[in-house]
Amino acid sequence: MKDISKLKDMRDAEMLAIIELAQENENIVFLDADLANCSGSEIFKEKFPNRFYNCGIAEANMMAVAGGLSSMGFKPFVHTFGCFATRRAFDQIFISLGYTFQTTNIIGTDPGITAQSNGGTHMPFEDISLMRQIPNSVIICPSDAYSCYQLTKQIFEMDCVTYTRIRRKGISFRYDKDTEITLGKGIVLEEGEDIAIIANGEVLVDEASKAVEELKKGGIHPTLIDLHTIRPLDTELIDKVAKKCGKIIVCENGRYCGGLGEEISYYLAKTNPVKMDFINVGDRFGEVGNLEYLKKTFGFTKEQIKAKVYNLLK
């Protein structure tokens, strides 16, 4: 696997994977909503000028264009901010892509609080919920550069609508080039029997990892899972930790309603009900702020995760 340790931003890992795929498959095209500078897709435009389409600030139309291209045998990657990729263009995604069984890979950047200074209007807390409404869709939320790179290549093999939620700027390196990362299979970062913590995305996997290290020092031994694939759900792993731990906390950078926590609790209610708690944005809108401020405001911190663990273990 390619060494990507020198990359500066998550968007670079995403685009590197797409460029390599496009070099192998001439049917790959890239559509952007006047955000090539933000997404890093300018490099795609430079390398494949006849396969790049700036659709302008018309996200709904862009999804319909992607559907048309897909129907002609092309393999579109489509980018805009997560709020516009889902809320604004949902009907076109549902009808022009999902209902007509087109293959399109949608990239929604700056999900949840990672929109930061763009504020509440640009914070898609409900993007997972919306994309789960598309039958047979695939949804991923990588927590680092290597998982982003590998999973981007793997979703290309899926013959359906896919949705990737990543932040644009900043980068994490949790894994290395030898780590096996598989679509639909969560990664166990820590083995324990007292409680299971399930998280995804950079922000909450980072905070959950810090919480676990401190909990271990206090004699509590959690299992920690990076559940990078939201759909299809890794039910085998969830069943395993539910039986082993009996208590689960789900951490996600979005809403409970329609999100990962609800998806897992719905599944376990039918198979192996356990005590659960959740870290999410709750029933509120986003606001302007830097990432550290927003993590504290919305409770996305190691302290809040630890508090949930202590409470659930009572």
C-alpha atoms as a PDB file:
ATOM      1  CA  MET A   1       0.000   0.000   0.000  1.00  0.00           C
ATOM      2  CA  LYS A   2       1.144   3.542  -0.719  1.00  0.00           C
ATOM      3  CA  ASP A   3       2.860   5.496   2.091  1.00  0.00           C
ATOM      4  CA  ILE A   4       0.665   8.536   2.744  1.00  0.00           C
ATOM      5  CA  SER A   5       2.260   9.663   6.002  1.00  0.00           C
ATOM      6  CA  LYS A   6       3.377  12.981   4.480  1.00  0.00           C
ATOM      7  CA  LEU A   7      -0.117  14.188   3.613  1.00  0.00           C
ATOM      8  CA  LYS A   8      -1.382  17.312   5.387  1.00  0.00           C
ATOM      9  CA  ASP A   9      -5.177  17.001   5.231  1.00  0.00           C
ATOM     10  CA  MET A  10      -7.844  14.299   5.125  1.00  0.00           C
ATOM     11  CA  ARG A  11      -9.017  15.606   1.751  1.00  0.00           C
ATOM     12  CA  ASP A  12      -5.555  14.756   0.376  1.00  0.00           C
ATOM     13  CA  ALA A  13      -5.982  11.088   1.319  1.00  0.00           C
ATOM     14  CA  GLU A  14      -9.401  11.033  -0.328  1.00  0.00           C
ATOM     15  CA  MET A  15      -8.202  12.643  -3.540  1.00  0.00           C
ATOM     16  CA  LEU A  16      -5.078  10.481  -3.747  1.00  0.00           C
ATOM     17  CA  ALA A  17      -7.237   7.359  -3.731  1.00  0.00           C
ATOM     18  CA  ILE A  18      -9.579   8.812  -6.376  1.00  0.00           C
ATOM     19  CA  ILE A  19      -6.674   9.890  -8.615  1.00  0.00           C
ATOM     20  CA  GLU A  20      -5.174   6.403  -8.462  1.00  0.00           C
ATOM     21  CA  LEU A  21      -8.542   4.854  -9.277  1.00  0.00           C
ATOM     22  CA  ALA A  22      -9.027   7.270 -12.180  1.00  0.00           C
ATOM     23  CA  GLN A  23      -5.649   6.332 -13.616  1.00  0.00           C
ATOM     24  CA  GLU A  24      -6.863   2.742 -13.804  1.00  0.00           C
ATOM     25  CA  ASN A  25     -10.439   3.423 -14.933  1.00  0.00           C
ATOM     26  CA  GLU A  26     -11.189   5.994 -17.623  1.00  0.00           C
ATOM     27  CA  ASN A  27     -14.898   5.966 -16.780  1.00  0.00           C
ATOM     28  CA  ILE A  28     -14.324   7.746 -13.470  1.00  0.00           C
ATOM     29  CA  VAL A  29     -15.467  11.377 -13.508  1.00  0.00           C
ATOM     30  CA  PHE A  30     -15.476  13.994 -10.754  1.00  0.00           C
ATOM     31  CA  LEU A  31     -18.206  16.544 -10.081  1.00  0.00           C
ATOM     32  CA  ASP A  32     -17.776  19.475  -7.699  1.00  0.00           C
ATOM     33  CA  ALA A  33     -20.093  22.292  -6.627  1.00  0.00           C
ATOM     34  CA  ASP A  34     -17.678  25.190  -7.133  1.00  0.00           C
ATOM     35  CA  LEU A  35     -15.545  23.853  -4.262  1.00  0.00           C
ATOM     36  CA  ALA A  36     -12.537  22.399  -6.070  1.00  0.00           C
ATOM     37  CA  ASN A  37     -10.166  24.493  -3.982  1.00  0.00           C
ATOM     38  CA  CYS A  38     -11.865  23.352  -0.768  1.00  0.00           C
ATOM     39  CA  SER A  39     -12.008  19.666  -1.661  1.00  0.00           C
ATOM     40  CA  GLY A  40      -8.597  19.432  -3.279  1.00  0.00           C
ATOM     41  CA  SER A  41     -10.225  18.224  -6.499  1.00  0.00           C
ATOM     42  CA  GLU A  42      -8.222  20.761  -8.498  1.00  0.00           C
ATOM     43  CA  ILE A  43      -5.601  18.049  -8.844  1.00  0.00           C
ATOM     44  CA  PHE A  44      -8.197  15.834 -10.559  1.00  0.00           C
ATOM     45  CA  LYS A  45      -9.026  18.684 -12.923  1.00  0.00           C
ATOM     46  CA  GLU A  46      -5.348  19.139 -13.771  1.00  0.00           C
ATOM     47  CA  LYS A  47      -4.784  15.462 -14.498  1.00  0.00           C
ATOM     48  CA  PHE A  48      -8.105  14.705 -16.193  1.00  0.00           C
ATOM     49  CA  PRO A  49      -9.519  18.009 -17.516  1.00  0.00           C
ATOM     50  CA  ASN A  50     -12.079  16.267 -19.744  1.00  0.00           C
ATOM     51  CA  ARG A  51     -13.426  14.222 -16.848  1.00  0.00           C
ATOM     52  CA  PHE A  52     -13.949  17.044 -14.346  1.00  0.00           C
ATOM     53  CA  TYR A  53     -17.223  18.987 -14.099  1.00  0.00           C
ATOM     54  CA  ASN A  54     -17.748  22.104 -12.015  1.00  0.00           C
ATOM     55  CA  CYS A  55     -21.508  22.110 -11.581  1.00  0.00           C
ATOM     56  CA  GLY A  56     -21.535  25.410  -9.723  1.00  0.00           C
ATOM     57  CA  ILE A  57     -23.491  26.171  -6.572  1.00  0.00           C
ATOM     58  CA  ALA A  58     -26.341  23.940  -7.732  1.00  0.00           C
ATOM     59  CA  GLU A  59     -25.973  20.812  -5.650  1.00  0.00           C
ATOM     60  CA  ALA A  60     -29.341  19.257  -6.477  1.00  0.00           C
ATOM     61  CA  ASN A  61     -28.662  19.614 -10.184  1.00  0.00           C
ATOM     62  CA  MET A  62     -25.193  18.128  -9.661  1.00  0.00           C
ATOM     63  CA  MET A  63     -26.726  14.943  -8.253  1.00  0.00           C
ATOM     64  CA  ALA A  64     -29.046  14.686 -11.235  1.00  0.00           C
ATOM     65  CA  VAL A  65     -26.083  15.178 -13.590  1.00  0.00           C
ATOM     66  CA  ALA A  66     -24.239  12.409 -11.726  1.00  0.00           C
ATOM     67  CA  GLY A  67     -27.253  10.152 -12.241  1.00  0.00           C
ATOM     68  CA  GLY A  68     -27.234  10.863 -15.950  1.00  0.00           C
ATOM     69  CA  LEU A  69     -23.514  10.160 -16.228  1.00  0.00           C
ATOM     70  CA  SER A  70     -23.915   6.936 -14.278  1.00  0.00           C
ATOM     71  CA  SER A  71     -26.708   5.793 -16.570  1.00  0.00           C
ATOM     72  CA  MET A  72     -24.267   6.195 -19.490  1.00  0.00           C
ATOM     73  CA  GLY A  73     -21.654   3.961 -17.873  1.00  0.00           C
ATOM     74  CA  PHE A  74     -19.541   6.553 -16.099  1.00  0.00           C
ATOM     75  CA  LYS A  75     -18.474   6.217 -12.441  1.00  0.00           C
ATOM     76  CA  PRO A  76     -19.013   9.593 -10.743  1.00  0.00           C
ATOM     77  CA  PHE A  77     -17.408  10.877  -7.579  1.00  0.00           C
ATOM     78  CA  VAL A  78     -19.349  13.901  -6.335  1.00  0.00           C
ATOM     79  CA  HIS A  79     -18.271  16.446  -3.728  1.00  0.00           C
ATOM     80  CA  THR A  80     -19.751  19.297  -1.757  1.00  0.00           C
ATOM     81  CA  PHE A  81     -20.020  20.198   1.916  1.00  0.00           C
ATOM     82  CA  GLY A  82     -21.959  17.552   3.842  1.00  0.00           C
ATOM     83  CA  CYS A  83     -24.884  19.882   4.572  1.00  0.00           C
ATOM     84  CA  PHE A  84     -25.451  20.520   0.858  1.00  0.00           C
ATOM     85  CA  ALA A  85     -24.639  16.964  -0.223  1.00  0.00           C
ATOM     86  CA  THR A  86     -27.489  15.589   1.881  1.00  0.00           C
ATOM     87  CA  ARG A  87     -30.050  18.134   3.124  1.00  0.00           C
ATOM     88  CA  ARG A  88     -30.143  20.294   0.026  1.00  0.00           C
ATOM     89  CA  ALA A  89     -29.936  17.556  -2.585  1.00  0.00           C
ATOM     90  CA  PHE A  90     -31.795  14.735  -0.882  1.00  0.00           C
ATOM     91  CA  ASP A  91     -34.694  14.412  -3.329  1.00  0.00           C
ATOM     92  CA  GLN A  92     -32.330  14.214  -6.305  1.00  0.00           C
ATOM     93  CA  ILE A  93     -30.177  11.636  -4.506  1.00  0.00           C
ATOM     94  CA  PHE A  94     -33.249   9.585  -3.675  1.00  0.00           C
ATOM     95  CA  ILE A  95     -34.862   9.704  -7.140  1.00  0.00           C
ATOM     96  CA  SER A  96     -32.051  10.333  -9.657  1.00  0.00           C
ATOM     97  CA  LEU A  97     -29.539   8.039  -7.965  1.00  0.00           C
ATOM     98  CA  GLY A  98     -31.164   5.635  -5.508  1.00  0.00           C
ATOM     99  CA  TYR A  99     -34.518   4.913  -7.116  1.00  0.00           C
ATOM    100  CA  THR A 100     -32.941   4.458 -10.545  1.00  0.00           C
ATOM    101  CA  PHE A 101     -30.140   2.218  -9.194  1.00  0.00           C
ATOM    102  CA  GLN A 102     -27.276   4.438 -10.307  1.00  0.00           C
ATOM    103  CA  THR A 103     -23.735   4.119  -8.998  1.00  0.00           C
ATOM    104  CA  THR A 104     -22.434   7.387  -7.528  1.00  0.00           C
ATOM    105  CA  ASN A 105     -19.909   8.048  -4.765  1.00  0.00           C
ATOM    106  CA  ILE A 106     -20.881  11.143  -2.778  1.00  0.00           C
ATOM    107  CA  ILE A 107     -18.319  12.896  -0.572  1.00  0.00           C
ATOM    108  CA  GLY A 108     -19.758  15.169   2.116  1.00  0.00           C
ATOM    109  CA  THR A 109     -17.007  17.137   3.813  1.00  0.00           C
ATOM    110  CA  ASP A 110     -16.927  18.821   7.228  1.00  0.00           C
ATOM    111  CA  PRO A 111     -19.638  16.721   8.884  1.00  0.00           C
ATOM    112  CA  GLY A 112     -21.044  17.678  12.262  1.00  0.00           C
ATOM    113  CA  ILE A 113     -19.017  20.110  14.353  1.00  0.00           C
ATOM    114  CA  THR A 114     -16.003  19.931  12.020  1.00  0.00           C
ATOM    115  CA  ALA A 115     -17.663  22.691   9.970  1.00  0.00           C
ATOM    116  CA  GLN A 116     -16.414  24.947  12.790  1.00  0.00           C
ATOM    117  CA  SER A 117     -16.438  28.644  11.747  1.00  0.00           C
ATOM    118  CA  ASN A 118     -18.999  28.032   8.997  1.00  0.00           C
ATOM    119  CA  GLY A 119     -21.492  27.662  11.816  1.00  0.00           C
ATOM    120  CA  GLY A 120     -24.810  25.947  12.383  1.00  0.00           C
ATOM    121  CA  THR A 121     -26.133  26.334   8.841  1.00  0.00           C
ATOM    122  CA  HIS A 122     -23.189  24.288   7.563  1.00  0.00           C
ATOM    123  CA  MET A 123     -23.214  21.578  10.235  1.00  0.00           C
ATOM    124  CA  PRO A 124     -24.842  18.401   8.931  1.00  0.00           C
ATOM    125  CA  PHE A 125     -25.917  16.582  12.070  1.00  0.00           C
ATOM    126  CA  GLU A 126     -28.560  14.637  10.143  1.00  0.00           C
ATOM    127  CA  ASP A 127     -26.585  13.509   7.083  1.00  0.00           C
ATOM    128  CA  ILE A 128     -26.278   9.902   8.299  1.00  0.00           C
ATOM    129  CA  SER A 129     -30.008   9.752   8.959  1.00  0.00           C
ATOM    130  CA  LEU A 130     -30.810  11.039   5.489  1.00  0.00           C
ATOM    131  CA  MET A 131     -28.420   8.746   3.647  1.00  0.00           C
ATOM    132  CA  ARG A 132     -29.695   5.728   5.587  1.00  0.00           C
ATOM    133  CA  GLN A 133     -33.049   6.345   3.890  1.00  0.00           C
ATOM    134  CA  ILE A 134     -31.555   5.394   0.509  1.00  0.00           C
ATOM    135  CA  PRO A 135     -32.087   1.630   0.112  1.00  0.00           C
ATOM    136  CA  ASN A 136     -28.832  -0.317  -0.340  1.00  0.00           C
ATOM    137  CA  SER A 137     -26.635   2.735   0.251  1.00  0.00           C
ATOM    138  CA  VAL A 138     -23.169   2.443   1.789  1.00  0.00           C
ATOM    139  CA  ILE A 139     -22.016   4.989   4.400  1.00  0.00           C
ATOM    140  CA  ILE A 140     -18.503   5.407   5.778  1.00  0.00           C
ATOM    141  CA  CYS A 141     -16.942   7.781   8.301  1.00  0.00           C
ATOM    142  CA  PRO A 142     -13.156   7.161   8.425  1.00  0.00           C
ATOM    143  CA  SER A 143     -11.186   8.203  11.490  1.00  0.00           C
ATOM    144  CA  ASP A 144      -7.767   8.641   9.877  1.00  0.00           C
ATOM    145  CA  ALA A 145      -5.914   9.088   6.594  1.00  0.00           C
ATOM    146  CA  TYR A 146      -5.144   5.414   5.952  1.00  0.00           C
ATOM    147  CA  SER A 147      -8.705   4.253   6.574  1.00  0.00           C
ATOM    148  CA  CYS A 148      -9.967   7.070   4.347  1.00  0.00           C
ATOM    149  CA  TYR A 149      -7.578   6.082   1.554  1.00  0.00           C
ATOM    150  CA  GLN A 150      -8.354   2.370   1.747  1.00  0.00           C
ATOM    151  CA  LEU A 151     -12.103   2.690   2.189  1.00  0.00           C
ATOM    152  CA  THR A 152     -12.373   5.138  -0.720  1.00  0.00           C
ATOM    153  CA  LYS A 153     -10.890   2.484  -2.972  1.00  0.00           C
ATOM    154  CA  GLN A 154     -13.229  -0.147  -1.580  1.00  0.00           C
ATOM    155  CA  ILE A 155     -16.453   1.837  -1.955  1.00  0.00           C
ATOM    156  CA  PHE A 156     -15.618   2.229  -5.639  1.00  0.00           C
ATOM    157  CA  GLU A 157     -16.261  -1.501  -5.976  1.00  0.00           C
ATOM    158  CA  MET A 158     -19.793  -1.105  -4.617  1.00  0.00           C
ATOM    159  CA  ASP A 159     -22.508  -0.893  -7.258  1.00  0.00           C
ATOM    160  CA  CYS A 160     -24.738   1.584  -5.449  1.00  0.00           C
ATOM    161  CA  VAL A 161     -24.961   5.061  -3.909  1.00  0.00           C
ATOM    162  CA  THR A 162     -22.178   5.601  -1.367  1.00  0.00           C
ATOM    163  CA  TYR A 163     -21.621   8.423   1.096  1.00  0.00           C
ATOM    164  CA  THR A 164     -18.297   9.362   2.683  1.00  0.00           C
ATOM    165  CA  ARG A 165     -18.236  11.884   5.550  1.00  0.00           C
ATOM    166  CA  ILE A 166     -14.798  13.372   6.320  1.00  0.00           C
ATOM    167  CA  ARG A 167     -13.450  16.701   7.435  1.00  0.00           C
ATOM    168  CA  ARG A 168     -11.372  18.563   4.887  1.00  0.00           C
ATOM    169  CA  LYS A 169      -8.537  20.132   6.845  1.00  0.00           C
ATOM    170  CA  GLY A 170      -6.346  18.511   9.462  1.00  0.00           C
ATOM    171  CA  ILE A 171      -5.380  14.864   9.523  1.00  0.00           C
ATOM    172  CA  SER A 172      -5.013  11.904  11.860  1.00  0.00           C
ATOM    173  CA  PHE A 173      -2.763   8.874  11.513  1.00  0.00           C
ATOM    174  CA  ARG A 174      -4.187   6.107  13.649  1.00  0.00           C
ATOM    175  CA  TYR A 175      -3.197   3.219  11.406  1.00  0.00           C
ATOM    176  CA  ASP A 176      -0.252   2.465   9.142  1.00  0.00           C
ATOM    177  CA  LYS A 177       0.123   1.099   5.647  1.00  0.00           C
ATOM    178  CA  ASP A 178       0.174  -2.505   6.923  1.00  0.00           C
ATOM    179  CA  THR A 179      -3.147  -2.266   8.788  1.00  0.00           C
ATOM    180  CA  GLU A 180      -5.907  -4.307   7.200  1.00  0.00           C
ATOM    181  CA  ILE A 181      -8.981  -2.108   6.874  1.00  0.00           C
ATOM    182  CA  THR A 182     -12.102  -3.678   5.415  1.00  0.00           C
ATOM    183  CA  LEU A 183     -15.360  -2.044   4.415  1.00  0.00           C
ATOM    184  CA  GLY A 184     -18.139  -3.222   6.718  1.00  0.00           C
ATOM    185  CA  LYS A 185     -15.797  -4.515   9.424  1.00  0.00           C
ATOM    186  CA  GLY A 186     -15.122  -2.423  12.520  1.00  0.00           C
ATOM    187  CA  ILE A 187     -11.628  -2.214  14.006  1.00  0.00           C
ATOM    188  CA  VAL A 188     -11.070  -3.217  17.631  1.00  0.00           C
ATOM    189  CA  LEU A 189      -8.601  -0.705  19.054  1.00  0.00           C
ATOM    190  CA  GLU A 190      -8.737  -1.972  22.631  1.00  0.00           C
ATOM    191  CA  GLU A 191      -9.949  -5.249  24.158  1.00  0.00           C
ATOM    192  CA  GLY A 192     -11.783  -5.168  27.479  1.00  0.00           C
ATOM    193  CA  GLU A 193     -14.743  -6.747  29.232  1.00  0.00           C
ATOM    194  CA  ASP A 194     -16.229  -3.996  31.414  1.00  0.00           C
ATOM    195  CA  ILE A 195     -17.939  -1.893  28.748  1.00  0.00           C
ATOM    196  CA  ALA A 196     -17.799  -1.302  24.990  1.00  0.00           C
ATOM    197  CA  ILE A 197     -17.271   2.125  23.432  1.00  0.00           C
ATOM    198  CA  ILE A 198     -18.170   2.370  19.753  1.00  0.00           C
ATOM    199  CA  ALA A 199     -17.133   5.499  17.857  1.00  0.00           C
ATOM    200  CA  ASN A 200     -16.258   6.697  14.371  1.00  0.00           C
ATOM    201  CA  GLY A 201     -14.729   9.742  12.719  1.00  0.00           C
ATOM    202  CA  GLU A 202     -11.592  11.564  13.816  1.00  0.00           C
ATOM    203  CA  VAL A 203     -13.059  13.687  16.600  1.00  0.00           C
ATOM    204  CA  LEU A 204     -14.765  10.985  18.646  1.00  0.00           C
ATOM    205  CA  VAL A 205     -12.362   8.115  18.043  1.00  0.00           C
ATOM    206  CA  ASP A 206      -9.598  10.452  19.236  1.00  0.00           C
ATOM    207  CA  GLU A 207     -11.492  11.459  22.386  1.00  0.00           C
ATOM    208  CA  ALA A 208     -12.654   7.909  23.075  1.00  0.00           C
ATOM    209  CA  SER A 209      -9.058   6.675  22.818  1.00  0.00           C
ATOM    210  CA  LYS A 210      -7.949   9.249  25.404  1.00  0.00           C
ATOM    211  CA  ALA A 211     -10.839   8.285  27.677  1.00  0.00           C
ATOM    212  CA  VAL A 212      -9.956   4.595  27.448  1.00  0.00           C
ATOM    213  CA  GLU A 213      -6.344   5.216  28.473  1.00  0.00           C
ATOM    214  CA  GLU A 214      -7.484   7.087  31.574  1.00  0.00           C
ATOM    215  CA  LEU A 215     -10.179   4.540  32.411  1.00  0.00           C
ATOM    216  CA  LYS A 216      -7.604   1.745  32.288  1.00  0.00           C
ATOM    217  CA  LYS A 217      -5.479   3.573  34.849  1.00  0.00           C
ATOM    218  CA  GLY A 218      -8.518   3.531  37.139  1.00  0.00           C
ATOM    219  CA  GLY A 219      -9.058  -0.197  36.738  1.00  0.00           C
ATOM    220  CA  ILE A 220     -11.814  -0.071  34.110  1.00  0.00           C
ATOM    221  CA  HIS A 221     -11.081  -2.029  30.943  1.00  0.00           C
ATOM    222  CA  PRO A 222     -13.269  -1.056  27.966  1.00  0.00           C
ATOM    223  CA  THR A 223     -13.426  -2.463  24.477  1.00  0.00           C
ATOM    224  CA  LEU A 224     -12.968   0.362  21.967  1.00  0.00           C
ATOM    225  CA  ILE A 225     -14.189   0.012  18.390  1.00  0.00           C
ATOM    226  CA  ASP A 226     -13.641   2.272  15.399  1.00  0.00           C
ATOM    227  CA  LEU A 227     -16.839   1.554  13.474  1.00  0.00           C
ATOM    228  CA  HIS A 228     -15.825   3.345  10.286  1.00  0.00           C
ATOM    229  CA  THR A 229     -18.602   1.725   8.233  1.00  0.00           C
ATOM    230  CA  ILE A 230     -22.058   2.847   9.290  1.00  0.00           C
ATOM    231  CA  ARG A 231     -23.792   0.903   6.568  1.00  0.00           C
ATOM    232  CA  PRO A 232     -23.557  -2.059   6.146  1.00  0.00           C
ATOM    233  CA  LEU A 233     -23.435  -2.460   9.915  1.00  0.00           C
ATOM    234  CA  ASP A 234     -20.904  -4.903  11.367  1.00  0.00           C
ATOM    235  CA  THR A 235     -23.541  -6.898  13.247  1.00  0.00           C
ATOM    236  CA  GLU A 236     -21.156  -9.772  13.951  1.00  0.00           C
ATOM    237  CA  LEU A 237     -18.811  -7.514  15.918  1.00  0.00           C
ATOM    238  CA  ILE A 238     -21.685  -5.715  17.669  1.00  0.00           C
ATOM    239  CA  ASP A 239     -23.173  -9.033  18.772  1.00  0.00           C
ATOM    240  CA  LYS A 240     -19.781 -10.113  20.065  1.00  0.00           C
ATOM    241  CA  VAL A 241     -19.156  -7.036  22.230  1.00  0.00           C
ATOM    242  CA  ALA A 242     -22.758  -6.923  23.435  1.00  0.00           C
ATOM    243  CA  LYS A 243     -22.453 -10.468  24.764  1.00  0.00           C
ATOM    244  CA  LYS A 244     -18.986  -9.891  26.214  1.00  0.00           C
ATOM    245  CA  CYS A 245     -19.520  -6.482  27.823  1.00  0.00           C
ATOM    246  CA  GLY A 246     -23.270  -6.139  28.365  1.00  0.00           C
ATOM    247  CA  LYS A 247     -22.985  -2.351  28.218  1.00  0.00           C
ATOM    248  CA  ILE A 248     -22.315  -0.112  25.194  1.00  0.00           C
ATOM    249  CA  ILE A 249     -21.730   3.596  24.644  1.00  0.00           C
ATOM    250  CA  VAL A 250     -22.032   4.879  21.070  1.00  0.00           C
ATOM    251  CA  CYS A 251     -20.193   8.107  20.192  1.00  0.00           C
ATOM    252  CA  GLU A 252     -21.052   9.973  17.001  1.00  0.00           C
ATOM    253  CA  ASN A 253     -20.618  13.445  15.556  1.00  0.00           C
ATOM    254  CA  GLY A 254     -24.268  13.870  14.633  1.00  0.00           C
ATOM    255  CA  ARG A 255     -27.817  13.246  15.818  1.00  0.00           C
ATOM    256  CA  TYR A 256     -29.093  10.177  17.623  1.00  0.00           C
ATOM    257  CA  CYS A 257     -32.269  10.273  15.522  1.00  0.00           C
ATOM    258  CA  GLY A 258     -31.466   8.157  12.472  1.00  0.00           C
ATOM    259  CA  GLY A 259     -27.787   7.982  13.364  1.00  0.00           C
ATOM    260  CA  LEU A 260     -25.336   5.255  14.309  1.00  0.00           C
ATOM    261  CA  GLY A 261     -26.531   5.008  17.911  1.00  0.00           C
ATOM    262  CA  GLU A 262     -30.122   4.485  16.868  1.00  0.00           C
ATOM    263  CA  GLU A 263     -29.049   1.982  14.222  1.00  0.00           C
ATOM    264  CA  ILE A 264     -27.136  -0.105  16.766  1.00  0.00           C
ATOM    265  CA  SER A 265     -29.828   0.104  19.466  1.00  0.00           C
ATOM    266  CA  TYR A 266     -32.501  -0.919  16.938  1.00  0.00           C
ATOM    267  CA  TYR A 267     -30.444  -3.934  15.937  1.00  0.00           C
ATOM    268  CA  LEU A 268     -29.646  -5.009  19.511  1.00  0.00           C
ATOM    269  CA  ALA A 269     -33.264  -4.574  20.630  1.00  0.00           C
ATOM    270  CA  LYS A 270     -34.083  -7.504  18.344  1.00  0.00           C
ATOM    271  CA  THR A 271     -31.056  -9.683  19.050  1.00  0.00           C
ATOM    272  CA  ASN A 272     -29.327  -8.986  22.367  1.00  0.00           C
ATOM    273  CA  PRO A 273     -30.678  -6.020  24.375  1.00  0.00           C
ATOM    274  CA  VAL A 274     -28.022  -4.406  26.587  1.00  0.00           C
ATOM    275  CA  LYS A 275     -27.678  -1.259  28.651  1.00  0.00           C
ATOM    276  CA  MET A 276     -26.657   1.639  26.387  1.00  0.00           C
ATOM    277  CA  ASP A 277     -25.827   5.325  26.461  1.00  0.00           C
ATOM    278  CA  PHE A 278     -24.915   7.799  23.749  1.00  0.00           C
ATOM    279  CA  ILE A 279     -22.653  10.714  22.920  1.00  0.00           C
ATOM    280  CA  ASN A 280     -24.181  12.882  20.177  1.00  0.00           C
ATOM    281  CA  VAL A 281     -25.277  16.459  19.496  1.00  0.00           C
ATOM    282  CA  GLY A 282     -28.699  15.988  21.041  1.00  0.00           C
ATOM    283  CA  ASP A 283     -31.750  17.927  19.934  1.00  0.00           C
ATOM    284  CA  ARG A 284     -30.099  21.211  18.961  1.00  0.00           C
ATOM    285  CA  PHE A 285     -28.612  23.197  16.107  1.00  0.00           C
ATOM    286  CA  GLY A 286     -24.939  23.856  15.500  1.00  0.00           C
ATOM    287  CA  GLU A 287     -23.069  27.083  16.208  1.00  0.00           C
ATOM    288  CA  VAL A 288     -19.906  28.947  15.273  1.00  0.00           C
ATOM    289  CA  GLY A 289     -16.647  28.094  17.024  1.00  0.00           C
ATOM    290  CA  ASN A 290     -13.299  26.368  16.752  1.00  0.00           C
ATOM    291  CA  LEU A 291     -13.099  22.621  17.198  1.00  0.00           C
ATOM    292  CA  GLU A 292     -11.976  22.650  20.832  1.00  0.00           C
ATOM    293  CA  TYR A 293     -14.793  24.996  21.832  1.00  0.00           C
ATOM    294  CA  LEU A 294     -17.370  22.927  19.952  1.00  0.00           C
ATOM    295  CA  LYS A 295     -16.165  19.649  21.452  1.00  0.00           C
ATOM    296  CA  LYS A 296     -16.716  21.069  24.935  1.00  0.00           C
ATOM    297  CA  THR A 297     -20.046  22.666  23.989  1.00  0.00           C
ATOM    298  CA  PHE A 298     -21.487  19.445  22.584  1.00  0.00           C
ATOM    299  CA  GLY A 299     -19.870  17.088  25.086  1.00  0.00           C
ATOM    300  CA  PHE A 300     -17.481  15.439  22.639  1.00  0.00           C
ATOM    301  CA  THR A 301     -14.676  15.143  25.180  1.00  0.00           C
ATOM    302  CA  LYS A 302     -12.870  12.378  27.022  1.00  0.00           C
ATOM    303  CA  GLU A 303     -14.341  13.719  30.275  1.00  0.00           C
ATOM    304  CA  GLN A 304     -17.899  13.344  29.012  1.00  0.00           C
ATOM    305  CA  ILE A 305     -17.198   9.852  27.692  1.00  0.00           C
ATOM    306  CA  LYS A 306     -15.691   8.838  31.031  1.00  0.00           C
ATOM    307  CA  ALA A 307     -18.705  10.266  32.876  1.00  0.00           C
ATOM    308  CA  LYS A 308     -21.031   8.190  30.694  1.00  0.00           C
ATOM    309  CA  VAL A 309     -18.934   5.095  31.400  1.00  0.00           C
ATOM    310  CA  TYR A 310     -19.012   5.625  35.178  1.00  0.00           C
ATOM    311  CA  ASN A 311     -22.764   6.218  35.118  1.00  0.00           C
ATOM    312  CA  LEU A 312     -23.492   3.133  33.025  1.00  0.00           C
ATOM    313  CA  LEU A 313     -21.289   0.919  35.198  1.00  0.00           C
ATOM    314  CA  LYS A 314     -23.325   1.878  38.266  1.00  0.00           C
END
